[in-house]
Amino acid sequence: MLNLATKLLNDEAGFLVSAELILISTVLVLGMVVGLTEVSHAINNELLDVANAFESVNQSYRYDGLFGDHGDSDGSHFYDHGYDISCRGY
């Protein structure tokens, strides 16, 4: 066991933690956080565009009645009033 501990202490191969490497790692992590935040905002904006597209679909329909010599039928209608999406401010 002592031999293994001596080998580990004398081993110079591997990752050396220095001030430069810590600084580079910190800059990279901060850059990733900012980048992922921008990606999150872009995805939210695209999903809002999809929601607005679905909201603008008009599902209303109407047909007039049928009238003939032997009878008639009344028409029917349905009006889609839409929904208010509260997250439009993004």
PDB file of N, CA and C in Angstrom:
ATOM      1  N   MET A   1       0.819  -1.189   0.000  1.00  0.00           N
ATOM      2  CA  MET A   1       0.000   0.000   0.000  1.00  0.00           C
ATOM      3  C   MET A   1       0.866   1.258   0.000  1.00  0.00           C
ATOM      4  N   LEU A   2       1.956   1.231   0.714  1.00  0.00           N
ATOM      5  CA  LEU A   2       2.880   2.354   0.759  1.00  0.00           C
ATOM      6  C   LEU A   2       3.509   2.583  -0.605  1.00  0.00           C
ATOM      7  N   ASN A   3       3.781   1.499  -1.319  1.00  0.00           N
ATOM      8  CA  ASN A   3       4.352   1.598  -2.659  1.00  0.00           C
ATOM      9  C   ASN A   3       3.373   2.312  -3.604  1.00  0.00           C
ATOM     10  N   LEU A   4       2.075   2.001  -3.497  1.00  0.00           N
ATOM     11  CA  LEU A   4       1.062   2.631  -4.339  1.00  0.00           C
ATOM     12  C   LEU A   4       0.952   4.123  -4.022  1.00  0.00           C
ATOM     13  N   ALA A   5       0.976   4.495  -2.762  1.00  0.00           N
ATOM     14  CA  ALA A   5       0.907   5.906  -2.384  1.00  0.00           C
ATOM     15  C   ALA A   5       2.132   6.662  -2.889  1.00  0.00           C
ATOM     16  N   THR A   6       3.310   6.058  -2.838  1.00  0.00           N
ATOM     17  CA  THR A   6       4.530   6.694  -3.345  1.00  0.00           C
ATOM     18  C   THR A   6       4.442   6.894  -4.850  1.00  0.00           C
ATOM     19  N   LYS A   7       3.890   5.893  -5.562  1.00  0.00           N
ATOM     20  CA  LYS A   7       3.727   6.018  -7.011  1.00  0.00           C
ATOM     21  C   LYS A   7       2.777   7.169  -7.363  1.00  0.00           C
ATOM     22  N   LEU A   8       1.666   7.285  -6.613  1.00  0.00           N
ATOM     23  CA  LEU A   8       0.713   8.356  -6.877  1.00  0.00           C
ATOM     24  C   LEU A   8       1.313   9.732  -6.605  1.00  0.00           C
ATOM     25  N   LEU A   9       2.114   9.865  -5.564  1.00  0.00           N
ATOM     26  CA  LEU A   9       2.732  11.151  -5.249  1.00  0.00           C
ATOM     27  C   LEU A   9       3.789  11.544  -6.263  1.00  0.00           C
ATOM     28  N   ASN A  10       4.506  10.569  -6.815  1.00  0.00           N
ATOM     29  CA  ASN A  10       5.566  10.849  -7.782  1.00  0.00           C
ATOM     30  C   ASN A  10       5.066  10.914  -9.218  1.00  0.00           C
ATOM     31  N   ASP A  11       3.804  10.612  -9.449  1.00  0.00           N
ATOM     32  CA  ASP A  11       3.246  10.610 -10.804  1.00  0.00           C
ATOM     33  C   ASP A  11       3.027  12.047 -11.267  1.00  0.00           C
ATOM     34  N   GLU A  12       3.634  12.435 -12.379  1.00  0.00           N
ATOM     35  CA  GLU A  12       3.490  13.779 -12.907  1.00  0.00           C
ATOM     36  C   GLU A  12       2.634  13.809 -14.175  1.00  0.00           C
ATOM     37  N   ALA A  13       2.099  12.720 -14.579  1.00  0.00           N
ATOM     38  CA  ALA A  13       1.243  12.669 -15.760  1.00  0.00           C
ATOM     39  C   ALA A  13      -0.202  12.914 -15.322  1.00  0.00           C
ATOM     40  N   GLY A  14      -0.910  13.766 -16.027  1.00  0.00           N
ATOM     41  CA  GLY A  14      -2.299  14.011 -15.673  1.00  0.00           C
ATOM     42  C   GLY A  14      -2.631  15.486 -15.709  1.00  0.00           C
ATOM     43  N   PHE A  15      -3.769  15.820 -15.196  1.00  0.00           N
ATOM     44  CA  PHE A  15      -4.307  17.180 -15.219  1.00  0.00           C
ATOM     45  C   PHE A  15      -3.713  17.973 -14.068  1.00  0.00           C
ATOM     46  N   LEU A  16      -3.039  19.038 -14.402  1.00  0.00           N
ATOM     47  CA  LEU A  16      -2.425  19.894 -13.393  1.00  0.00           C
ATOM     48  C   LEU A  16      -3.345  21.081 -13.146  1.00  0.00           C
ATOM     49  N   VAL A  17      -3.844  21.206 -11.946  1.00  0.00           N
ATOM     50  CA  VAL A  17      -4.739  22.299 -11.611  1.00  0.00           C
ATOM     51  C   VAL A  17      -3.896  23.530 -11.313  1.00  0.00           C
ATOM     52  N   SER A  18      -4.006  24.507 -12.180  1.00  0.00           N
ATOM     53  CA  SER A  18      -3.262  25.738 -11.972  1.00  0.00           C
ATOM     54  C   SER A  18      -4.224  26.909 -12.131  1.00  0.00           C
ATOM     55  N   ALA A  19      -3.739  28.074 -11.844  1.00  0.00           N
ATOM     56  CA  ALA A  19      -4.578  29.269 -11.918  1.00  0.00           C
ATOM     57  C   ALA A  19      -5.050  29.500 -13.351  1.00  0.00           C
ATOM     58  N   GLU A  20      -4.198  29.218 -14.347  1.00  0.00           N
ATOM     59  CA  GLU A  20      -4.586  29.420 -15.739  1.00  0.00           C
ATOM     60  C   GLU A  20      -5.710  28.472 -16.147  1.00  0.00           C
ATOM     61  N   LEU A  21      -5.614  27.234 -15.757  1.00  0.00           N
ATOM     62  CA  LEU A  21      -6.638  26.260 -16.120  1.00  0.00           C
ATOM     63  C   LEU A  21      -7.957  26.568 -15.415  1.00  0.00           C
ATOM     64  N   ILE A  22      -7.886  27.044 -14.186  1.00  0.00           N
ATOM     65  CA  ILE A  22      -9.111  27.419 -13.471  1.00  0.00           C
ATOM     66  C   ILE A  22      -9.756  28.623 -14.146  1.00  0.00           C
ATOM     67  N   LEU A  23      -8.949  29.592 -14.570  1.00  0.00           N
ATOM     68  CA  LEU A  23      -9.471  30.765 -15.253  1.00  0.00           C
ATOM     69  C   LEU A  23     -10.113  30.386 -16.587  1.00  0.00           C
ATOM     70  N   ILE A  24      -9.458  29.546 -17.355  1.00  0.00           N
ATOM     71  CA  ILE A  24     -10.011  29.101 -18.644  1.00  0.00           C
ATOM     72  C   ILE A  24     -11.303  28.322 -18.429  1.00  0.00           C
ATOM     73  N   SER A  25     -11.322  27.448 -17.445  1.00  0.00           N
ATOM     74  CA  SER A  25     -12.534  26.671 -17.165  1.00  0.00           C
ATOM     75  C   SER A  25     -13.679  27.587 -16.741  1.00  0.00           C
ATOM     76  N   THR A  26     -13.388  28.592 -15.938  1.00  0.00           N
ATOM     77  CA  THR A  26     -14.431  29.523 -15.502  1.00  0.00           C
ATOM     78  C   THR A  26     -15.004  30.300 -16.669  1.00  0.00           C
ATOM     79  N   VAL A  27     -14.145  30.781 -17.564  1.00  0.00           N
ATOM     80  CA  VAL A  27     -14.618  31.519 -18.741  1.00  0.00           C
ATOM     81  C   VAL A  27     -15.460  30.616 -19.635  1.00  0.00           C
ATOM     82  N   LEU A  28     -15.034  29.385 -19.821  1.00  0.00           N
ATOM     83  CA  LEU A  28     -15.802  28.456 -20.649  1.00  0.00           C
ATOM     84  C   LEU A  28     -17.173  28.152 -20.049  1.00  0.00           C
ATOM     85  N   VAL A  29     -17.229  27.949 -18.743  1.00  0.00           N
ATOM     86  CA  VAL A  29     -18.511  27.653 -18.084  1.00  0.00           C
ATOM     87  C   VAL A  29     -19.443  28.856 -18.168  1.00  0.00           C
ATOM     88  N   LEU A  30     -18.924  30.048 -17.925  1.00  0.00           N
ATOM     89  CA  LEU A  30     -19.755  31.246 -18.033  1.00  0.00           C
ATOM     90  C   LEU A  30     -20.252  31.453 -19.460  1.00  0.00           C
ATOM     91  N   GLY A  31     -19.403  31.194 -20.435  1.00  0.00           N
ATOM     92  CA  GLY A  31     -19.829  31.290 -21.831  1.00  0.00           C
ATOM     93  C   GLY A  31     -20.914  30.286 -22.165  1.00  0.00           C
ATOM     94  N   MET A  32     -20.808  29.071 -21.622  1.00  0.00           N
ATOM     95  CA  MET A  32     -21.844  28.065 -21.862  1.00  0.00           C
ATOM     96  C   MET A  32     -23.161  28.477 -21.217  1.00  0.00           C
ATOM     97  N   VAL A  33     -23.118  29.067 -20.033  1.00  0.00           N
ATOM     98  CA  VAL A  33     -24.345  29.496 -19.359  1.00  0.00           C
ATOM     99  C   VAL A  33     -25.044  30.579 -20.173  1.00  0.00           C
ATOM    100  N   VAL A  34     -24.277  31.554 -20.654  1.00  0.00           N
ATOM    101  CA  VAL A  34     -24.863  32.623 -21.463  1.00  0.00           C
ATOM    102  C   VAL A  34     -25.420  32.055 -22.764  1.00  0.00           C
ATOM    103  N   GLY A  35     -24.678  31.169 -23.408  1.00  0.00           N
ATOM    104  CA  GLY A  35     -25.139  30.568 -24.657  1.00  0.00           C
ATOM    105  C   GLY A  35     -26.404  29.751 -24.472  1.00  0.00           C
ATOM    106  N   LEU A  36     -26.463  28.961 -23.418  1.00  0.00           N
ATOM    107  CA  LEU A  36     -27.653  28.147 -23.180  1.00  0.00           C
ATOM    108  C   LEU A  36     -28.856  29.007 -22.795  1.00  0.00           C
ATOM    109  N   THR A  37     -28.614  30.141 -22.141  1.00  0.00           N
ATOM    110  CA  THR A  37     -29.704  31.066 -21.840  1.00  0.00           C
ATOM    111  C   THR A  37     -30.290  31.630 -23.127  1.00  0.00           C
ATOM    112  N   GLU A  38     -29.425  31.994 -24.067  1.00  0.00           N
ATOM    113  CA  GLU A  38     -29.908  32.519 -25.342  1.00  0.00           C
ATOM    114  C   GLU A  38     -30.646  31.447 -26.134  1.00  0.00           C
ATOM    115  N   VAL A  39     -30.180  30.220 -26.082  1.00  0.00           N
ATOM    116  CA  VAL A  39     -30.880  29.125 -26.753  1.00  0.00           C
ATOM    117  C   VAL A  39     -32.260  28.928 -26.131  1.00  0.00           C
ATOM    118  N   SER A  40     -32.341  29.024 -24.806  1.00  0.00           N
ATOM    119  CA  SER A  40     -33.629  28.882 -24.123  1.00  0.00           C
ATOM    120  C   SER A  40     -34.604  29.974 -24.550  1.00  0.00           C
ATOM    121  N   HIS A  41     -34.118  31.209 -24.645  1.00  0.00           N
ATOM    122  CA  HIS A  41     -34.989  32.310 -25.080  1.00  0.00           C
ATOM    123  C   HIS A  41     -35.440  32.107 -26.522  1.00  0.00           C
ATOM    124  N   ALA A  42     -34.546  31.644 -27.372  1.00  0.00           N
ATOM    125  CA  ALA A  42     -34.910  31.425 -28.769  1.00  0.00           C
ATOM    126  C   ALA A  42     -35.962  30.324 -28.904  1.00  0.00           C
ATOM    127  N   ILE A  43     -35.816  29.248 -28.128  1.00  0.00           N
ATOM    128  CA  ILE A  43     -36.803  28.161 -28.170  1.00  0.00           C
ATOM    129  C   ILE A  43     -38.149  28.653 -27.658  1.00  0.00           C
ATOM    130  N   ASN A  44     -38.154  29.440 -26.582  1.00  0.00           N
ATOM    131  CA  ASN A  44     -39.413  29.975 -26.063  1.00  0.00           C
ATOM    132  C   ASN A  44     -40.097  30.873 -27.075  1.00  0.00           C
ATOM    133  N   ASN A  45     -39.325  31.695 -27.783  1.00  0.00           N
ATOM    134  CA  ASN A  45     -39.911  32.564 -28.802  1.00  0.00           C
ATOM    135  C   ASN A  45     -40.503  31.759 -29.952  1.00  0.00           C
ATOM    136  N   GLU A  46     -39.817  30.697 -30.370  1.00  0.00           N
ATOM    137  CA  GLU A  46     -40.349  29.863 -31.452  1.00  0.00           C
ATOM    138  C   GLU A  46     -41.625  29.140 -31.013  1.00  0.00           C
ATOM    139  N   LEU A  47     -41.662  28.664 -29.781  1.00  0.00           N
ATOM    140  CA  LEU A  47     -42.867  28.006 -29.285  1.00  0.00           C
ATOM    141  C   LEU A  47     -44.020  28.991 -29.160  1.00  0.00           C
ATOM    142  N   LEU A  48     -43.721  30.250 -28.828  1.00  0.00           N
ATOM    143  CA  LEU A  48     -44.753  31.278 -28.791  1.00  0.00           C
ATOM    144  C   LEU A  48     -45.292  31.547 -30.198  1.00  0.00           C
ATOM    145  N   ASP A  49     -44.406  31.532 -31.198  1.00  0.00           N
ATOM    146  CA  ASP A  49     -44.864  31.683 -32.578  1.00  0.00           C
ATOM    147  C   ASP A  49     -45.785  30.534 -32.988  1.00  0.00           C
ATOM    148  N   VAL A  50     -45.446  29.324 -32.568  1.00  0.00           N
ATOM    149  CA  VAL A  50     -46.298  28.170 -32.880  1.00  0.00           C
ATOM    150  C   VAL A  50     -47.654  28.313 -32.183  1.00  0.00           C
ATOM    151  N   ALA A  51     -47.646  28.773 -30.936  1.00  0.00           N
ATOM    152  CA  ALA A  51     -48.908  28.964 -30.205  1.00  0.00           C
ATOM    153  C   ALA A  51     -49.769  30.026 -30.883  1.00  0.00           C
ATOM    154  N   ASN A  52     -49.144  31.107 -31.349  1.00  0.00           N
ATOM    155  CA  ASN A  52     -49.898  32.137 -32.058  1.00  0.00           C
ATOM    156  C   ASN A  52     -50.451  31.615 -33.373  1.00  0.00           C
ATOM    157  N   ALA A  53     -49.713  30.750 -34.035  1.00  0.00           N
ATOM    158  CA  ALA A  53     -50.209  30.170 -35.286  1.00  0.00           C
ATOM    159  C   ALA A  53     -51.417  29.281 -35.021  1.00  0.00           C
ATOM    160  N   PHE A  54     -51.363  28.496 -33.962  1.00  0.00           N
ATOM    161  CA  PHE A  54     -52.513  27.653 -33.628  1.00  0.00           C
ATOM    162  C   PHE A  54     -53.715  28.505 -33.210  1.00  0.00           C
ATOM    163  N   GLU A  55     -53.445  29.622 -32.526  1.00  0.00           N
ATOM    164  CA  GLU A  55     -54.539  30.477 -32.087  1.00  0.00           C
ATOM    165  C   GLU A  55     -55.232  31.148 -33.273  1.00  0.00           C
ATOM    166  N   SER A  56     -54.475  31.423 -34.324  1.00  0.00           N
ATOM    167  CA  SER A  56     -55.056  32.138 -35.454  1.00  0.00           C
ATOM    168  C   SER A  56     -55.871  31.229 -36.378  1.00  0.00           C
ATOM    169  N   VAL A  57     -55.863  29.933 -36.122  1.00  0.00           N
ATOM    170  CA  VAL A  57     -56.681  29.026 -36.927  1.00  0.00           C
ATOM    171  C   VAL A  57     -58.153  29.277 -36.607  1.00  0.00           C
ATOM    172  N   ASN A  58     -58.935  29.522 -37.629  1.00  0.00           N
ATOM    173  CA  ASN A  58     -60.352  29.807 -37.444  1.00  0.00           C
ATOM    174  C   ASN A  58     -61.132  28.505 -37.593  1.00  0.00           C
ATOM    175  N   GLN A  59     -61.818  28.105 -36.545  1.00  0.00           N
ATOM    176  CA  GLN A  59     -62.566  26.862 -36.557  1.00  0.00           C
ATOM    177  C   GLN A  59     -64.063  27.097 -36.738  1.00  0.00           C
ATOM    178  N   SER A  60     -64.430  28.303 -37.090  1.00  0.00           N
ATOM    179  CA  SER A  60     -65.847  28.596 -37.284  1.00  0.00           C
ATOM    180  C   SER A  60     -66.364  27.899 -38.536  1.00  0.00           C
ATOM    181  N   TYR A  61     -67.627  27.554 -38.505  1.00  0.00           N
ATOM    182  CA  TYR A  61     -68.248  27.005 -39.703  1.00  0.00           C
ATOM    183  C   TYR A  61     -69.692  27.467 -39.759  1.00  0.00           C
ATOM    184  N   ARG A  62     -70.237  27.426 -40.949  1.00  0.00           N
ATOM    185  CA  ARG A  62     -71.629  27.812 -41.129  1.00  0.00           C
ATOM    186  C   ARG A  62     -72.115  27.188 -42.425  1.00  0.00           C
ATOM    187  N   TYR A  63     -73.305  26.687 -42.383  1.00  0.00           N
ATOM    188  CA  TYR A  63     -73.935  26.266 -43.636  1.00  0.00           C
ATOM    189  C   TYR A  63     -75.393  26.686 -43.597  1.00  0.00           C
ATOM    190  N   ASP A  64     -75.849  27.109 -44.734  1.00  0.00           N
ATOM    191  CA  ASP A  64     -77.232  27.554 -44.845  1.00  0.00           C
ATOM    192  C   ASP A  64     -78.139  26.338 -44.998  1.00  0.00           C
ATOM    193  N   GLY A  65     -79.380  26.556 -44.702  1.00  0.00           N
ATOM    194  CA  GLY A  65     -80.336  25.463 -44.818  1.00  0.00           C
ATOM    195  C   GLY A  65     -80.594  25.076 -46.271  1.00  0.00           C
ATOM    196  N   LEU A  66     -81.126  23.903 -46.432  1.00  0.00           N
ATOM    197  CA  LEU A  66     -81.478  23.411 -47.754  1.00  0.00           C
ATOM    198  C   LEU A  66     -82.982  23.567 -47.951  1.00  0.00           C
ATOM    199  N   PHE A  67     -83.358  24.113 -49.072  1.00  0.00           N
ATOM    200  CA  PHE A  67     -84.770  24.337 -49.348  1.00  0.00           C
ATOM    201  C   PHE A  67     -85.124  23.674 -50.685  1.00  0.00           C
ATOM    202  N   GLY A  68     -86.211  22.949 -50.671  1.00  0.00           N
ATOM    203  CA  GLY A  68     -86.639  22.294 -51.907  1.00  0.00           C
ATOM    204  C   GLY A  68     -88.157  22.228 -51.981  1.00  0.00           C
ATOM    205  N   ASP A  69     -88.629  21.474 -52.945  1.00  0.00           N
ATOM    206  CA  ASP A  69     -90.067  21.361 -53.141  1.00  0.00           C
ATOM    207  C   ASP A  69     -90.731  20.541 -52.044  1.00  0.00           C
ATOM    208  N   HIS A  70     -90.029  19.521 -51.524  1.00  0.00           N
ATOM    209  CA  HIS A  70     -90.660  18.590 -50.593  1.00  0.00           C
ATOM    210  C   HIS A  70     -90.273  18.808 -49.139  1.00  0.00           C
ATOM    211  N   GLY A  71     -89.433  19.765 -48.871  1.00  0.00           N
ATOM    212  CA  GLY A  71     -89.056  20.015 -47.473  1.00  0.00           C
ATOM    213  C   GLY A  71     -87.867  20.941 -47.402  1.00  0.00           C
ATOM    214  N   ASP A  72     -87.510  21.262 -46.194  1.00  0.00           N
ATOM    215  CA  ASP A  72     -86.345  22.117 -46.001  1.00  0.00           C
ATOM    216  C   ASP A  72     -85.663  21.740 -44.693  1.00  0.00           C
ATOM    217  N   SER A  73     -84.450  22.222 -44.545  1.00  0.00           N
ATOM    218  CA  SER A  73     -83.716  22.008 -43.287  1.00  0.00           C
ATOM    219  C   SER A  73     -83.085  23.334 -42.888  1.00  0.00           C
ATOM    220  N   ASP A  74     -82.993  23.507 -41.590  1.00  0.00           N
ATOM    221  CA  ASP A  74     -82.410  24.740 -41.078  1.00  0.00           C
ATOM    222  C   ASP A  74     -80.892  24.671 -41.177  1.00  0.00           C
ATOM    223  N   GLY A  75     -80.294  25.824 -41.220  1.00  0.00           N
ATOM    224  CA  GLY A  75     -78.837  25.892 -41.236  1.00  0.00           C
ATOM    225  C   GLY A  75     -78.259  25.777 -39.838  1.00  0.00           C
ATOM    226  N   SER A  76     -76.965  25.804 -39.771  1.00  0.00           N
ATOM    227  CA  SER A  76     -76.286  25.699 -38.484  1.00  0.00           C
ATOM    228  C   SER A  76     -75.031  26.555 -38.531  1.00  0.00           C
ATOM    229  N   HIS A  77     -74.523  26.917 -37.372  1.00  0.00           N
ATOM    230  CA  HIS A  77     -73.287  27.683 -37.326  1.00  0.00           C
ATOM    231  C   HIS A  77     -72.618  27.513 -35.972  1.00  0.00           C
ATOM    232  N   PHE A  78     -71.325  27.756 -35.988  1.00  0.00           N
ATOM    233  CA  PHE A  78     -70.514  27.771 -34.766  1.00  0.00           C
ATOM    234  C   PHE A  78     -69.446  28.825 -34.964  1.00  0.00           C
ATOM    235  N   TYR A  79     -69.282  29.723 -33.992  1.00  0.00           N
ATOM    236  CA  TYR A  79     -68.281  30.767 -34.083  1.00  0.00           C
ATOM    237  C   TYR A  79     -67.210  30.538 -33.032  1.00  0.00           C
ATOM    238  N   ASP A  80     -65.981  30.482 -33.491  1.00  0.00           N
ATOM    239  CA  ASP A  80     -64.834  30.312 -32.592  1.00  0.00           C
ATOM    240  C   ASP A  80     -64.420  31.682 -32.093  1.00  0.00           C
ATOM    241  N   HIS A  81     -64.492  31.902 -30.780  1.00  0.00           N
ATOM    242  CA  HIS A  81     -64.155  33.200 -30.217  1.00  0.00           C
ATOM    243  C   HIS A  81     -62.687  33.309 -29.823  1.00  0.00           C
ATOM    244  N   GLY A  82     -61.945  32.226 -29.890  1.00  0.00           N
ATOM    245  CA  GLY A  82     -60.511  32.266 -29.588  1.00  0.00           C
ATOM    246  C   GLY A  82     -60.237  32.281 -28.096  1.00  0.00           C
ATOM    247  N   TYR A  83     -58.949  32.258 -27.779  1.00  0.00           N
ATOM    248  CA  TYR A  83     -58.500  32.220 -26.390  1.00  0.00           C
ATOM    249  C   TYR A  83     -57.501  33.334 -26.168  1.00  0.00           C
ATOM    250  N   ASP A  84     -57.404  33.780 -24.937  1.00  0.00           N
ATOM    251  CA  ASP A  84     -56.445  34.817 -24.581  1.00  0.00           C
ATOM    252  C   ASP A  84     -55.215  34.142 -24.004  1.00  0.00           C
ATOM    253  N   ILE A  85     -54.099  34.259 -24.699  1.00  0.00           N
ATOM    254  CA  ILE A  85     -52.838  33.688 -24.198  1.00  0.00           C
ATOM    255  C   ILE A  85     -52.139  34.761 -23.380  1.00  0.00           C
ATOM    256  N   SER A  86     -51.885  34.473 -22.123  1.00  0.00           N
ATOM    257  CA  SER A  86     -51.347  35.495 -21.218  1.00  0.00           C
ATOM    258  C   SER A  86     -49.848  35.699 -21.370  1.00  0.00           C
ATOM    259  N   CYS A  87     -49.155  34.878 -22.139  1.00  0.00           N
ATOM    260  CA  CYS A  87     -47.693  34.990 -22.232  1.00  0.00           C
ATOM    261  C   CYS A  87     -47.258  35.706 -23.514  1.00  0.00           C
ATOM    262  N   ARG A  88     -48.050  36.611 -24.033  1.00  0.00           N
ATOM    263  CA  ARG A  88     -47.696  37.292 -25.282  1.00  0.00           C
ATOM    264  C   ARG A  88     -46.571  38.306 -25.095  1.00  0.00           C
ATOM    265  N   GLY A  89     -46.258  38.675 -23.904  1.00  0.00           N
ATOM    266  CA  GLY A  89     -45.247  39.698 -23.678  1.00  0.00           C
ATOM    267  C   GLY A  89     -43.813  39.217 -23.825  1.00  0.00           C
ATOM    268  N   TYR A  90     -43.588  37.951 -24.067  1.00  0.00           N
ATOM    269  CA  TYR A  90     -42.205  37.447 -24.160  1.00  0.00           C
ATOM    270  C   TYR A  90     -41.584  37.807 -25.470  1.00  0.00           C
TER     271      TYR A  90
END
